[in-house]
Structure formats: structure tokens, C-alpha cells
PDB file of all heavy atoms in Angstrom:
ATOM      1  N   PRO A   1      -7.644  -3.230   4.600  1.00  0.00           N
ATOM      2  CA  PRO A   1      -8.050  -2.273   5.649  1.00  0.00           C
ATOM      3  C   PRO A   1      -7.022  -1.174   5.873  1.00  0.00           C
ATOM      4  O   PRO A   1      -7.387  -0.034   6.210  1.00  0.00           O
ATOM      5  CB  PRO A   1      -8.209  -3.156   6.891  1.00  0.00           C
ATOM      6  CG  PRO A   1      -7.492  -4.423   6.588  1.00  0.00           C
ATOM      7  CD  PRO A   1      -7.589  -4.597   5.116  1.00  0.00           C
ATOM      8  N   LEU A   2      -5.743  -1.488   5.671  1.00  0.00           N
ATOM      9  CA  LEU A   2      -4.716  -0.455   5.798  1.00  0.00           C
ATOM     10  C   LEU A   2      -4.860   0.572   4.683  1.00  0.00           C
ATOM     11  O   LEU A   2      -4.687   1.780   4.910  1.00  0.00           O
ATOM     12  CB  LEU A   2      -3.321  -1.096   5.763  1.00  0.00           C
ATOM     13  CG  LEU A   2      -2.140  -0.149   5.943  1.00  0.00           C
ATOM     14  CD1 LEU A   2      -2.240   0.595   7.268  1.00  0.00           C
ATOM     15  CD2 LEU A   2      -0.822  -0.915   5.880  1.00  0.00           C
ATOM     16  N   TYR A   3      -5.189   0.097   3.488  1.00  0.00           N
ATOM     17  CA  TYR A   3      -5.435   1.012   2.364  1.00  0.00           C
ATOM     18  C   TYR A   3      -6.584   1.960   2.702  1.00  0.00           C
ATOM     19  O   TYR A   3      -6.493   3.173   2.442  1.00  0.00           O
ATOM     20  CB  TYR A   3      -5.750   0.204   1.111  1.00  0.00           C
ATOM     21  CG  TYR A   3      -6.259   1.038  -0.039  1.00  0.00           C
ATOM     22  CD1 TYR A   3      -5.381   1.655  -0.923  1.00  0.00           C
ATOM     23  CD2 TYR A   3      -7.629   1.229  -0.240  1.00  0.00           C
ATOM     24  CE1 TYR A   3      -5.852   2.440  -1.968  1.00  0.00           C
ATOM     25  CE2 TYR A   3      -8.104   2.007  -1.274  1.00  0.00           C
ATOM     26  CZ  TYR A   3      -7.209   2.609  -2.139  1.00  0.00           C
ATOM     27  OH  TYR A   3      -7.680   3.384  -3.164  1.00  0.00           O
ATOM     28  N   GLN A   4      -7.653   1.422   3.265  1.00  0.00           N
ATOM     29  CA  GLN A   4      -8.792   2.253   3.621  1.00  0.00           C
ATOM     30  C   GLN A   4      -8.409   3.314   4.645  1.00  0.00           C
ATOM     31  O   GLN A   4      -8.874   4.461   4.579  1.00  0.00           O
ATOM     32  CB  GLN A   4      -9.919   1.365   4.183  1.00  0.00           C
ATOM     33  CG  GLN A   4     -10.472   0.352   3.206  1.00  0.00           C
ATOM     34  CD  GLN A   4     -11.189   0.992   2.038  1.00  0.00           C
ATOM     35  OE1 GLN A   4     -11.661   2.126   2.128  1.00  0.00           O
ATOM     36  NE2 GLN A   4     -11.270   0.269   0.923  1.00  0.00           N
ATOM     37  N   ARG A   5      -7.542   2.954   5.569  1.00  0.00           N
ATOM     38  CA  ARG A   5      -7.124   3.912   6.599  1.00  0.00           C
ATOM     39  C   ARG A   5      -6.227   4.996   6.003  1.00  0.00           C
ATOM     40  O   ARG A   5      -6.349   6.170   6.368  1.00  0.00           O
ATOM     41  CB  ARG A   5      -6.392   3.174   7.715  1.00  0.00           C
ATOM     42  CG  ARG A   5      -5.963   4.081   8.861  1.00  0.00           C
ATOM     43  CD  ARG A   5      -5.416   3.285  10.023  1.00  0.00           C
ATOM     44  NE  ARG A   5      -5.035   4.157  11.124  1.00  0.00           N
ATOM     45  CZ  ARG A   5      -5.871   4.671  12.013  1.00  0.00           C
ATOM     46  NH1 ARG A   5      -7.171   4.406  11.932  1.00  0.00           N
ATOM     47  NH2 ARG A   5      -5.450   5.447  12.989  1.00  0.00           N
ATOM     48  N   LEU A   6      -5.348   4.623   5.096  1.00  0.00           N
ATOM     49  CA  LEU A   6      -4.416   5.581   4.511  1.00  0.00           C
ATOM     50  C   LEU A   6      -5.100   6.548   3.554  1.00  0.00           C
ATOM     51  O   LEU A   6      -4.556   7.624   3.266  1.00  0.00           O
ATOM     52  CB  LEU A   6      -3.286   4.840   3.778  1.00  0.00           C
ATOM     53  CG  LEU A   6      -2.312   4.048   4.656  1.00  0.00           C
ATOM     54  CD1 LEU A   6      -1.342   3.257   3.791  1.00  0.00           C
ATOM     55  CD2 LEU A   6      -1.548   4.971   5.601  1.00  0.00           C
ATOM     56  N   THR A   7      -6.259   6.179   3.051  1.00  0.00           N
ATOM     57  CA  THR A   7      -6.972   7.034   2.093  1.00  0.00           C
ATOM     58  C   THR A   7      -8.196   7.689   2.716  1.00  0.00           C
ATOM     59  O   THR A   7      -9.043   8.226   1.992  1.00  0.00           O
ATOM     60  CB  THR A   7      -7.403   6.208   0.861  1.00  0.00           C
ATOM     61  OG1 THR A   7      -8.228   5.108   1.288  1.00  0.00           O
ATOM     62  CG2 THR A   7      -6.197   5.689   0.108  1.00  0.00           C
ATOM     63  N   ARG A   8      -8.304   7.688   4.033  1.00  0.00           N
ATOM     64  CA  ARG A   8      -9.500   8.220   4.676  1.00  0.00           C
ATOM     65  C   ARG A   8      -9.620   9.733   4.490  1.00  0.00           C
ATOM     66  O   ARG A   8     -10.725  10.291   4.587  1.00  0.00           O
ATOM     67  CB  ARG A   8      -9.512   7.875   6.162  1.00  0.00           C
ATOM     68  CG  ARG A   8      -8.409   8.532   6.976  1.00  0.00           C
ATOM     69  CD  ARG A   8      -8.395   8.005   8.409  1.00  0.00           C
ATOM     70  NE  ARG A   8      -7.434   8.689   9.244  1.00  0.00           N
ATOM     71  CZ  ARG A   8      -6.150   8.385   9.286  1.00  0.00           C
ATOM     72  NH1 ARG A   8      -5.673   7.413   8.518  1.00  0.00           N
ATOM     73  NH2 ARG A   8      -5.323   9.062  10.089  1.00  0.00           N
ATOM     74  N   ASP A   9      -8.498  10.417   4.240  1.00  0.00           N
ATOM     75  CA  ASP A   9      -8.538  11.873   4.077  1.00  0.00           C
ATOM     76  C   ASP A   9      -8.640  12.295   2.616  1.00  0.00           C
ATOM     77  O   ASP A   9      -8.636  13.503   2.324  1.00  0.00           O
ATOM     78  CB  ASP A   9      -7.288  12.507   4.694  1.00  0.00           C
ATOM     79  CG  ASP A   9      -7.224  12.281   6.201  1.00  0.00           C
ATOM     80  OD1 ASP A   9      -8.302  12.233   6.825  1.00  0.00           O
ATOM     81  OD2 ASP A   9      -6.109  12.146   6.737  1.00  0.00           O
ATOM     82  N   VAL A  10      -8.706  11.347   1.706  1.00  0.00           N
ATOM     83  CA  VAL A  10      -8.776  11.668   0.279  1.00  0.00           C
ATOM     84  C   VAL A  10     -10.228  11.932  -0.103  1.00  0.00           C
ATOM     85  O   VAL A  10     -11.122  11.137   0.221  1.00  0.00           O
ATOM     86  CB  VAL A  10      -8.214  10.518  -0.574  1.00  0.00           C
ATOM     87  CG1 VAL A  10      -8.312  10.867  -2.063  1.00  0.00           C
ATOM     88  CG2 VAL A  10      -6.774  10.248  -0.190  1.00  0.00           C
ATOM     89  N   ASP A  11     -10.478  13.047  -0.789  1.00  0.00           N
ATOM     90  CA  ASP A  11     -11.835  13.371  -1.234  1.00  0.00           C
ATOM     91  C   ASP A  11     -12.186  12.510  -2.441  1.00  0.00           C
ATOM     92  O   ASP A  11     -11.631  12.675  -3.520  1.00  0.00           O
ATOM     93  CB  ASP A  11     -11.937  14.851  -1.608  1.00  0.00           C
ATOM     94  CG  ASP A  11     -11.718  15.753  -0.407  1.00  0.00           C
ATOM     95  OD1 ASP A  11     -12.035  15.311   0.712  1.00  0.00           O
ATOM     96  OD2 ASP A  11     -11.214  16.875  -0.591  1.00  0.00           O
ATOM     97  N   GLY A  12     -13.101  11.588  -2.244  1.00  0.00           N
ATOM     98  CA  GLY A  12     -13.477  10.704  -3.339  1.00  0.00           C
ATOM     99  C   GLY A  12     -12.533   9.526  -3.447  1.00  0.00           C
ATOM    100  O   GLY A  12     -11.496   9.458  -2.780  1.00  0.00           O
ATOM    101  N   GLN A  13     -12.869   8.586  -4.295  1.00  0.00           N
ATOM    102  CA  GLN A  13     -12.034   7.404  -4.473  1.00  0.00           C
ATOM    103  C   GLN A  13     -10.879   7.696  -5.420  1.00  0.00           C
ATOM    104  O   GLN A  13     -10.994   8.506  -6.344  1.00  0.00           O
ATOM    105  CB  GLN A  13     -12.876   6.249  -5.025  1.00  0.00           C
ATOM    106  CG  GLN A  13     -13.879   5.688  -4.028  1.00  0.00           C
ATOM    107  CD  GLN A  13     -14.609   4.486  -4.595  1.00  0.00           C
ATOM    108  OE1 GLN A  13     -14.884   4.431  -5.784  1.00  0.00           O
ATOM    109  NE2 GLN A  13     -14.907   3.533  -3.743  1.00  0.00           N
ATOM    110  N   LEU A  14      -9.760   7.026  -5.172  1.00  0.00           N
ATOM    111  CA  LEU A  14      -8.614   7.138  -6.061  1.00  0.00           C
ATOM    112  C   LEU A  14      -8.895   6.367  -7.346  1.00  0.00           C
ATOM    113  O   LEU A  14      -9.551   5.331  -7.344  1.00  0.00           O
ATOM    114  CB  LEU A  14      -7.361   6.590  -5.383  1.00  0.00           C
ATOM    115  CG  LEU A  14      -6.917   7.326  -4.115  1.00  0.00           C
ATOM    116  CD1 LEU A  14      -5.734   6.615  -3.481  1.00  0.00           C
ATOM    117  CD2 LEU A  14      -6.566   8.762  -4.414  1.00  0.00           C
ATOM    118  N   GLN A  15      -8.346   6.857  -8.441  1.00  0.00           N
ATOM    119  CA  GLN A  15      -8.626   6.267  -9.736  1.00  0.00           C
ATOM    120  C   GLN A  15      -7.598   5.198 -10.085  1.00  0.00           C
ATOM    121  O   GLN A  15      -6.433   5.272  -9.671  1.00  0.00           O
ATOM    122  CB  GLN A  15      -8.631   7.348 -10.820  1.00  0.00           C
ATOM    123  CG  GLN A  15      -9.706   8.398 -10.626  1.00  0.00           C
ATOM    124  CD  GLN A  15      -9.720   9.424 -11.747  1.00  0.00           C
ATOM    125  OE1 GLN A  15      -8.943   9.324 -12.687  1.00  0.00           O
ATOM    126  NE2 GLN A  15     -10.599  10.406 -11.654  1.00  0.00           N
ATOM    127  N   LEU A  16      -8.027   4.244 -10.877  1.00  0.00           N
ATOM    128  CA  LEU A  16      -7.155   3.214 -11.434  1.00  0.00           C
ATOM    129  C   LEU A  16      -7.147   3.354 -12.944  1.00  0.00           C
ATOM    130  O   LEU A  16      -8.202   3.538 -13.560  1.00  0.00           O
ATOM    131  CB  LEU A  16      -7.648   1.807 -11.045  1.00  0.00           C
ATOM    132  CG  LEU A  16      -7.660   1.465  -9.548  1.00  0.00           C
ATOM    133  CD1 LEU A  16      -8.255   0.077  -9.341  1.00  0.00           C
ATOM    134  CD2 LEU A  16      -6.249   1.517  -8.975  1.00  0.00           C
ATOM    135  N   LEU A  17      -5.974   3.264 -13.535  1.00  0.00           N
ATOM    136  CA  LEU A  17      -5.858   3.385 -14.987  1.00  0.00           C
ATOM    137  C   LEU A  17      -5.785   2.031 -15.678  1.00  0.00           C
ATOM    138  O   LEU A  17      -5.764   1.962 -16.903  1.00  0.00           O
ATOM    139  CB  LEU A  17      -4.612   4.211 -15.344  1.00  0.00           C
ATOM    140  CG  LEU A  17      -4.606   5.650 -14.818  1.00  0.00           C
ATOM    141  CD1 LEU A  17      -3.328   6.354 -15.256  1.00  0.00           C
ATOM    142  CD2 LEU A  17      -5.831   6.410 -15.305  1.00  0.00           C
ATOM    143  N   GLY A  18      -5.728   0.966 -14.886  1.00  0.00           N
ATOM    144  CA  GLY A  18      -5.666  -0.373 -15.463  1.00  0.00           C
ATOM    145  C   GLY A  18      -6.067  -1.395 -14.427  1.00  0.00           C
ATOM    146  O   GLY A  18      -6.029  -1.120 -13.218  1.00  0.00           O
ATOM    147  N   PRO A  19      -6.436  -2.588 -14.857  1.00  0.00           N
ATOM    148  CA  PRO A  19      -6.904  -3.613 -13.912  1.00  0.00           C
ATOM    149  C   PRO A  19      -5.829  -4.104 -12.960  1.00  0.00           C
ATOM    150  O   PRO A  19      -6.144  -4.618 -11.888  1.00  0.00           O
ATOM    151  CB  PRO A  19      -7.387  -4.743 -14.828  1.00  0.00           C
ATOM    152  CG  PRO A  19      -6.674  -4.518 -16.125  1.00  0.00           C
ATOM    153  CD  PRO A  19      -6.506  -3.039 -16.256  1.00  0.00           C
ATOM    154  N   THR A  20      -4.556  -3.953 -13.324  1.00  0.00           N
ATOM    155  CA  THR A  20      -3.476  -4.438 -12.459  1.00  0.00           C
ATOM    156  C   THR A  20      -2.946  -3.366 -11.511  1.00  0.00           C
ATOM    157  O   THR A  20      -2.098  -3.655 -10.675  1.00  0.00           O
ATOM    158  CB  THR A  20      -2.308  -4.973 -13.302  1.00  0.00           C
ATOM    159  OG1 THR A  20      -1.794  -3.909 -14.137  1.00  0.00           O
ATOM    160  CG2 THR A  20      -2.755  -6.130 -14.199  1.00  0.00           C
ATOM    161  N   ASP A  21      -3.443  -2.130 -11.638  1.00  0.00           N
ATOM    162  CA  ASP A  21      -2.928  -1.044 -10.793  1.00  0.00           C
ATOM    163  C   ASP A  21      -3.155  -1.323  -9.315  1.00  0.00           C
ATOM    164  O   ASP A  21      -2.320  -0.991  -8.472  1.00  0.00           O
ATOM    165  CB  ASP A  21      -3.583   0.282 -11.169  1.00  0.00           C
ATOM    166  CG  ASP A  21      -2.992   0.874 -12.441  1.00  0.00           C
ATOM    167  OD1 ASP A  21      -2.119   0.216 -13.034  1.00  0.00           O
ATOM    168  OD2 ASP A  21      -3.410   1.979 -12.832  1.00  0.00           O
ATOM    169  N   VAL A  22      -4.316  -1.916  -8.992  1.00  0.00           N
ATOM    170  CA  VAL A  22      -4.630  -2.159  -7.587  1.00  0.00           C
ATOM    171  C   VAL A  22      -3.634  -3.137  -6.969  1.00  0.00           C
ATOM    172  O   VAL A  22      -3.273  -3.021  -5.784  1.00  0.00           O
ATOM    173  CB  VAL A  22      -6.078  -2.676  -7.442  1.00  0.00           C
ATOM    174  CG1 VAL A  22      -6.256  -4.029  -8.110  1.00  0.00           C
ATOM    175  CG2 VAL A  22      -6.470  -2.734  -5.966  1.00  0.00           C
ATOM    176  N   ILE A  23      -3.166  -4.104  -7.775  1.00  0.00           N
ATOM    177  CA  ILE A  23      -2.174  -5.057  -7.271  1.00  0.00           C
ATOM    178  C   ILE A  23      -0.882  -4.345  -6.920  1.00  0.00           C
ATOM    179  O   ILE A  23      -0.278  -4.592  -5.863  1.00  0.00           O
ATOM    180  CB  ILE A  23      -1.914  -6.169  -8.301  1.00  0.00           C
ATOM    181  CG1 ILE A  23      -3.208  -6.927  -8.608  1.00  0.00           C
ATOM    182  CG2 ILE A  23      -0.842  -7.124  -7.802  1.00  0.00           C
ATOM    183  CD1 ILE A  23      -3.789  -7.646  -7.421  1.00  0.00           C
ATOM    184  N   TRP A  24      -0.442  -3.426  -7.804  1.00  0.00           N
ATOM    185  CA  TRP A  24       0.802  -2.692  -7.550  1.00  0.00           C
ATOM    186  C   TRP A  24       0.662  -1.790  -6.324  1.00  0.00           C
ATOM    187  O   TRP A  24       1.596  -1.649  -5.541  1.00  0.00           O
ATOM    188  CB  TRP A  24       1.185  -1.868  -8.782  1.00  0.00           C
ATOM    189  CG  TRP A  24       1.777  -2.691  -9.878  1.00  0.00           C
ATOM    190  CD1 TRP A  24       1.217  -2.997 -11.078  1.00  0.00           C
ATOM    191  CD2 TRP A  24       3.053  -3.343  -9.864  1.00  0.00           C
ATOM    192  NE1 TRP A  24       2.056  -3.797 -11.819  1.00  0.00           N
ATOM    193  CE2 TRP A  24       3.198  -4.023 -11.094  1.00  0.00           C
ATOM    194  CE3 TRP A  24       4.083  -3.423  -8.927  1.00  0.00           C
ATOM    195  CZ2 TRP A  24       4.320  -4.772 -11.408  1.00  0.00           C
ATOM    196  CZ3 TRP A  24       5.206  -4.168  -9.245  1.00  0.00           C
ATOM    197  CH2 TRP A  24       5.323  -4.827 -10.471  1.00  0.00           C
ATOM    198  N   VAL A  25      -0.503  -1.189  -6.159  1.00  0.00           N
ATOM    199  CA  VAL A  25      -0.730  -0.334  -4.993  1.00  0.00           C
ATOM    200  C   VAL A  25      -0.656  -1.149  -3.709  1.00  0.00           C
ATOM    201  O   VAL A  25       0.007  -0.770  -2.739  1.00  0.00           O
ATOM    202  CB  VAL A  25      -2.095   0.370  -5.113  1.00  0.00           C
ATOM    203  CG1 VAL A  25      -2.453   1.061  -3.793  1.00  0.00           C
ATOM    204  CG2 VAL A  25      -2.074   1.383  -6.232  1.00  0.00           C
ATOM    205  N   TYR A  26      -1.337  -2.284  -3.698  1.00  0.00           N
ATOM    206  CA  TYR A  26      -1.314  -3.144  -2.515  1.00  0.00           C
ATOM    207  C   TYR A  26       0.095  -3.661  -2.230  1.00  0.00           C
ATOM    208  O   TYR A  26       0.505  -3.773  -1.067  1.00  0.00           O
ATOM    209  CB  TYR A  26      -2.281  -4.310  -2.697  1.00  0.00           C
ATOM    210  CG  TYR A  26      -3.735  -3.946  -2.508  1.00  0.00           C
ATOM    211  CD1 TYR A  26      -4.738  -4.887  -2.703  1.00  0.00           C
ATOM    212  CD2 TYR A  26      -4.105  -2.660  -2.142  1.00  0.00           C
ATOM    213  CE1 TYR A  26      -6.077  -4.559  -2.529  1.00  0.00           C
ATOM    214  CE2 TYR A  26      -5.441  -2.313  -1.978  1.00  0.00           C
ATOM    215  CZ  TYR A  26      -6.423  -3.268  -2.163  1.00  0.00           C
ATOM    216  OH  TYR A  26      -7.744  -2.942  -1.991  1.00  0.00           O
ATOM    217  N   PHE A  27       0.841  -3.978  -3.293  1.00  0.00           N
ATOM    218  CA  PHE A  27       2.206  -4.448  -3.096  1.00  0.00           C
ATOM    219  C   PHE A  27       3.110  -3.345  -2.547  1.00  0.00           C
ATOM    220  O   PHE A  27       4.021  -3.618  -1.759  1.00  0.00           O
ATOM    221  CB  PHE A  27       2.784  -4.996  -4.408  1.00  0.00           C
ATOM    222  CG  PHE A  27       2.630  -6.476  -4.567  1.00  0.00           C
ATOM    223  CD1 PHE A  27       1.863  -7.009  -5.590  1.00  0.00           C
ATOM    224  CD2 PHE A  27       3.249  -7.360  -3.690  1.00  0.00           C
ATOM    225  CE1 PHE A  27       1.705  -8.379  -5.735  1.00  0.00           C
ATOM    226  CE2 PHE A  27       3.101  -8.718  -3.819  1.00  0.00           C
ATOM    227  CZ  PHE A  27       2.327  -9.232  -4.845  1.00  0.00           C
ATOM    228  N   MET A  28       2.887  -2.097  -2.976  1.00  0.00           N
ATOM    229  CA  MET A  28       3.684  -0.993  -2.438  1.00  0.00           C
ATOM    230  C   MET A  28       3.444  -0.832  -0.943  1.00  0.00           C
ATOM    231  O   MET A  28       4.394  -0.654  -0.164  1.00  0.00           O
ATOM    232  CB  MET A  28       3.346   0.309  -3.177  1.00  0.00           C
ATOM    233  CG  MET A  28       4.008   0.438  -4.539  1.00  0.00           C
ATOM    234  SD  MET A  28       3.890   2.111  -5.232  1.00  0.00           S
ATOM    235  CE  MET A  28       2.147   2.175  -5.649  1.00  0.00           C
ATOM    236  N   ILE A  29       2.185  -0.899  -0.533  1.00  0.00           N
ATOM    237  CA  ILE A  29       1.862  -0.762   0.886  1.00  0.00           C
ATOM    238  C   ILE A  29       2.439  -1.935   1.680  1.00  0.00           C
ATOM    239  O   ILE A  29       3.088  -1.752   2.720  1.00  0.00           O
ATOM    240  CB  ILE A  29       0.342  -0.686   1.081  1.00  0.00           C
ATOM    241  CG1 ILE A  29      -0.226   0.533   0.356  1.00  0.00           C
ATOM    242  CG2 ILE A  29      -0.006  -0.626   2.568  1.00  0.00           C
ATOM    243  CD1 ILE A  29      -1.740   0.591   0.352  1.00  0.00           C
ATOM    244  N   ALA A  30       2.195  -3.148   1.182  1.00  0.00           N
ATOM    245  CA  ALA A  30       2.699  -4.333   1.875  1.00  0.00           C
ATOM    246  C   ALA A  30       4.226  -4.358   1.877  1.00  0.00           C
ATOM    247  O   ALA A  30       4.844  -4.833   2.835  1.00  0.00           O
ATOM    248  CB  ALA A  30       2.161  -5.597   1.206  1.00  0.00           C
ATOM    249  N   GLY A  31       4.835  -3.817   0.818  1.00  0.00           N
ATOM    250  CA  GLY A  31       6.303  -3.801   0.738  1.00  0.00           C
ATOM    251  C   GLY A  31       6.932  -2.949   1.824  1.00  0.00           C
ATOM    252  O   GLY A  31       7.957  -3.322   2.403  1.00  0.00           O
ATOM    253  N   VAL A  32       6.327  -1.794   2.123  1.00  0.00           N
ATOM    254  CA  VAL A  32       6.851  -0.928   3.187  1.00  0.00           C
ATOM    255  C   VAL A  32       6.755  -1.632   4.532  1.00  0.00           C
ATOM    256  O   VAL A  32       7.692  -1.592   5.348  1.00  0.00           O
ATOM    257  CB  VAL A  32       6.094   0.407   3.205  1.00  0.00           C
ATOM    258  CG1 VAL A  32       6.538   1.251   4.395  1.00  0.00           C
ATOM    259  CG2 VAL A  32       6.319   1.173   1.910  1.00  0.00           C
ATOM    260  N   ILE A  33       5.631  -2.301   4.776  1.00  0.00           N
ATOM    261  CA  ILE A  33       5.472  -3.047   6.029  1.00  0.00           C
ATOM    262  C   ILE A  33       6.509  -4.166   6.110  1.00  0.00           C
ATOM    263  O   ILE A  33       7.129  -4.391   7.159  1.00  0.00           O
ATOM    264  CB  ILE A  33       4.051  -3.632   6.125  1.00  0.00           C
ATOM    265  CG1 ILE A  33       3.019  -2.504   6.138  1.00  0.00           C
ATOM    266  CG2 ILE A  33       3.900  -4.495   7.370  1.00  0.00           C
ATOM    267  CD1 ILE A  33       1.585  -2.980   6.069  1.00  0.00           C
ATOM    268  N   ALA A  34       6.702  -4.872   4.988  1.00  0.00           N
ATOM    269  CA  ALA A  34       7.672  -5.966   4.970  1.00  0.00           C
ATOM    270  C   ALA A  34       9.093  -5.464   5.216  1.00  0.00           C
ATOM    271  O   ALA A  34       9.886  -6.113   5.905  1.00  0.00           O
ATOM    272  CB  ALA A  34       7.599  -6.703   3.628  1.00  0.00           C
ATOM    273  N   ILE A  35       9.418  -4.287   4.684  1.00  0.00           N
ATOM    274  CA  ILE A  35      10.747  -3.710   4.914  1.00  0.00           C
ATOM    275  C   ILE A  35      10.947  -3.393   6.390  1.00  0.00           C
ATOM    276  O   ILE A  35      12.002  -3.669   6.973  1.00  0.00           O
ATOM    277  CB  ILE A  35      10.944  -2.444   4.061  1.00  0.00           C
ATOM    278  CG1 ILE A  35      11.039  -2.816   2.579  1.00  0.00           C
ATOM    279  CG2 ILE A  35      12.202  -1.693   4.482  1.00  0.00           C
ATOM    280  CD1 ILE A  35      11.061  -1.619   1.653  1.00  0.00           C
ATOM    281  N   ALA A  36       9.901  -2.815   7.021  1.00  0.00           N
ATOM    282  CA  ALA A  36       9.991  -2.484   8.445  1.00  0.00           C
ATOM    283  C   ALA A  36      10.210  -3.735   9.291  1.00  0.00           C
ATOM    284  O   ALA A  36      10.978  -3.717  10.259  1.00  0.00           O
ATOM    285  CB  ALA A  36       8.722  -1.758   8.891  1.00  0.00           C
ATOM    286  N   VAL A  37       9.545  -4.833   8.919  1.00  0.00           N
ATOM    287  CA  VAL A  37       9.708  -6.087   9.661  1.00  0.00           C
ATOM    288  C   VAL A  37      11.082  -6.690   9.399  1.00  0.00           C
ATOM    289  O   VAL A  37      11.719  -7.257  10.308  1.00  0.00           O
ATOM    290  CB  VAL A  37       8.600  -7.087   9.257  1.00  0.00           C
ATOM    291  CG1 VAL A  37       8.855  -8.456   9.876  1.00  0.00           C
ATOM    292  CG2 VAL A  37       7.235  -6.565   9.683  1.00  0.00           C
ATOM    293  N   THR A  38      11.575  -6.544   8.183  1.00  0.00           N
ATOM    294  CA  THR A  38      12.827  -7.190   7.786  1.00  0.00           C
ATOM    295  C   THR A  38      14.059  -6.459   8.299  1.00  0.00           C
ATOM    296  O   THR A  38      15.113  -7.081   8.473  1.00  0.00           O
ATOM    297  CB  THR A  38      12.889  -7.306   6.248  1.00  0.00           C
ATOM    298  OG1 THR A  38      11.705  -7.952   5.768  1.00  0.00           O
ATOM    299  CG2 THR A  38      14.095  -8.117   5.803  1.00  0.00           C
ATOM    300  N   MET A  39      13.943  -5.152   8.558  1.00  0.00           N
ATOM    301  CA  MET A  39      15.120  -4.354   8.927  1.00  0.00           C
ATOM    302  C   MET A  39      15.899  -4.952  10.097  1.00  0.00           C
ATOM    303  O   MET A  39      17.119  -5.148   9.999  1.00  0.00           O
ATOM    304  CB  MET A  39      14.699  -2.920   9.234  1.00  0.00           C
ATOM    305  CG  MET A  39      14.301  -2.117   8.014  1.00  0.00           C
ATOM    306  SD  MET A  39      15.677  -1.734   6.915  1.00  0.00           S
ATOM    307  CE  MET A  39      16.482  -0.441   7.831  1.00  0.00           C
ATOM    308  N   PRO A  40      15.273  -5.253  11.246  1.00  0.00           N
ATOM    309  CA  PRO A  40      16.061  -5.826  12.351  1.00  0.00           C
ATOM    310  C   PRO A  40      16.602  -7.213  12.034  1.00  0.00           C
ATOM    311  O   PRO A  40      17.687  -7.563  12.497  1.00  0.00           O
ATOM    312  CB  PRO A  40      15.068  -5.869  13.521  1.00  0.00           C
ATOM    313  CG  PRO A  40      13.724  -5.796  12.900  1.00  0.00           C
ATOM    314  CD  PRO A  40      13.872  -4.999  11.653  1.00  0.00           C
ATOM    315  N   ILE A  41      15.856  -7.997  11.244  1.00  0.00           N
ATOM    316  CA  ILE A  41      16.348  -9.320  10.856  1.00  0.00           C
ATOM    317  C   ILE A  41      17.579  -9.183   9.969  1.00  0.00           C
ATOM    318  O   ILE A  41      18.568  -9.916  10.135  1.00  0.00           O
ATOM    319  CB  ILE A  41      15.250 -10.117  10.121  1.00  0.00           C
ATOM    320  CG1 ILE A  41      13.984 -10.206  10.982  1.00  0.00           C
ATOM    321  CG2 ILE A  41      15.751 -11.499   9.744  1.00  0.00           C
ATOM    322  CD1 ILE A  41      14.187 -10.905  12.299  1.00  0.00           C
ATOM    323  N   ALA A  42      17.526  -8.226   9.045  1.00  0.00           N
ATOM    324  CA  ALA A  42      18.677  -7.982   8.178  1.00  0.00           C
ATOM    325  C   ALA A  42      19.882  -7.530   9.002  1.00  0.00           C
ATOM    326  O   ALA A  42      21.019  -7.948   8.757  1.00  0.00           O
ATOM    327  CB  ALA A  42      18.324  -6.936   7.120  1.00  0.00           C
ATOM    328  N   GLY A  43      19.628  -6.661   9.997  1.00  0.00           N
ATOM    329  CA  GLY A  43      20.711  -6.223  10.870  1.00  0.00           C
ATOM    330  C   GLY A  43      21.322  -7.380  11.637  1.00  0.00           C
ATOM    331  O   GLY A  43      22.554  -7.452  11.802  1.00  0.00           O
TER     332      GLY A  43
END
């Protein structure tokens, strides 16, 4: 659902060049969220 919100302004669907691309995209989004959560714990 976060992916859907972040791409709401994109005209048309984003393209994938391989079957594993979607996994990397989801991991990039989840990674930023995880970093934000981890920052105070790391501090």
C-alpha cells in the first residue's frame, strides 16, 4: 500500500525489467522505513 501511495502521481504503471525487480523495489522502500525506525535505537 505504501508503494501505491508513492506512485499515485506517476502516469501509468512503472515497468519491471525482470521478475525479481519488484522484490528489490519493495526492499528499498522497506529499507528506508527500517532505517528511520533504527536511527534512535542506534543512537
